[in-house]
Amino acid sequence: MNVASLNFRSWRGYLELMRPANIVTAWADILVGFAASGSGAIFAQLINGEASFTILIPLAWLLLATTGLYGGGVVFNDVFDAELDAKERPNRAIPSGRVSRENATLLGSILFAIGIIAAFQVSLVSGAIAIFITLSCLLYNSLAKHHPFFGPLNMGLCRGSNLLLGVSAVPAMIGERWYLALIPVIYIAAITAISQGEVHGGKKITGVLALLLIAIVLTAVLALGLLGDYAATIALPFAVVLAIRVLPNFIKAAREPVAENIRTAVKIGVLSLIVLDATIASGFAGLYYGLFVLILLPFSMKLAKVFAVT
C-alpha cells in the first residue's frame, strides 16, 4: 500500500470520527435558534437589498462554534468507547488502527477549543453556553451514556443547549426563548433511549417510550402556535413531513426491537432533526426560511451514505 492511500485512510478516519452528516444537523439547530431570536428577518432584508452580508457575521461564528462543539463531542464518544468498539465495532476508526486514541483525543480537544473560542466572538453568553455544551458532552461520554435515564437526558440537554446557542445571537432573547430547548431535549432523549439497543437489540417498552416522546414533540411544535409570533399553520406541513419520516421507523423498532430496526430508526431520527428544526424555524421566520433550513437534509443524507451516523 502506497503512502497516498495510507494518508487517505488516515484522513477518512478523522472525518469518520467527526460524523459529518450529524454536524449538518447541528447547523440546523443554530439556524432555528437564530430565527427564534428574531434574526430570521435578516434573510428577507438581504434578499430585498436592505442589509449587508456583514450582518450575518454572528451567525457564521455560531455555525463554526457548533461545528467544533458537535465534532468534539462525537470524537470523544469514540475515544471513551475505544475498548467496547474493539469488540462490537472493530471497523471504527480507532479500533481499526486508522486513528490512534491519542490523536483522536487531540482532535476532539482542538474541536472543542475552536467551538468555545468561536462562540465567544459573538457574546459572553454564547461562550458560556459553549462551555456548558462541552462539559455536558464530556459528562455524557464518560459517565451518563451508560445510564438508562440520565444518558438520554444528558444528550438531550446538549442538543437543547445547541439550539439556545443559536438564540444567543441576540443574548437578551435567551430569557424569552429558553423553553424551546425542551423540544430537542425530548426528541434526542427519544433517539438516545432507543439507540441503547442498536448493537444487541432492545426492549419493546423502550421503543414505546420513544414513540411517546416523539408524539409529545410533534404536539409541542404545533402548540407553539399559542405564542403570538409563531405561525403554526406554516409549520404544519413541515410537522407532517417529520411525522411521515420518523413515526413508521420508530413504530417498527418498537414492535420488533432487533438491532437492524433500531439502527434504522436512530439514523432516520438523527437526520430528521433537520426537519424538526425546519418546522420550528418556519413558524418563527416564515415558509422560505423553513425551506432554507430543510435544504440541509439532502446534504446531510448524502454525507450519511459516506460516513456513519451512529
Foldseek 3Di string as FASTA:
>chain_A
DDPVVLVVLLVVLLVLLQLVLLLLLLLLLLLLLLLLLVNLCVVVCVVVVNDDPVLCLLSVLLSLLSSLLSSLLSLLLCLLCVVVCLPQPCPHSDNVPSADSVRSNVSSVVSLVSNLVSLVVQHPVLNVLSVVLNVLSVCLSNPQLVDLQSNLQSVLLSSLSSSNSSNCNPPVCCVVCVVSSVLSSLLSSLLSNLLVQLRAFDALVSLVSSLVSLVVSLVVLLVCVVDPQFASVLLVVLSVVLCVQQVVLSVVCNVPRGNVSSLSNSVSSSLCSLSSSLSSSCRRNNNVSSVVSVVSSVVSVVSCVVHPND
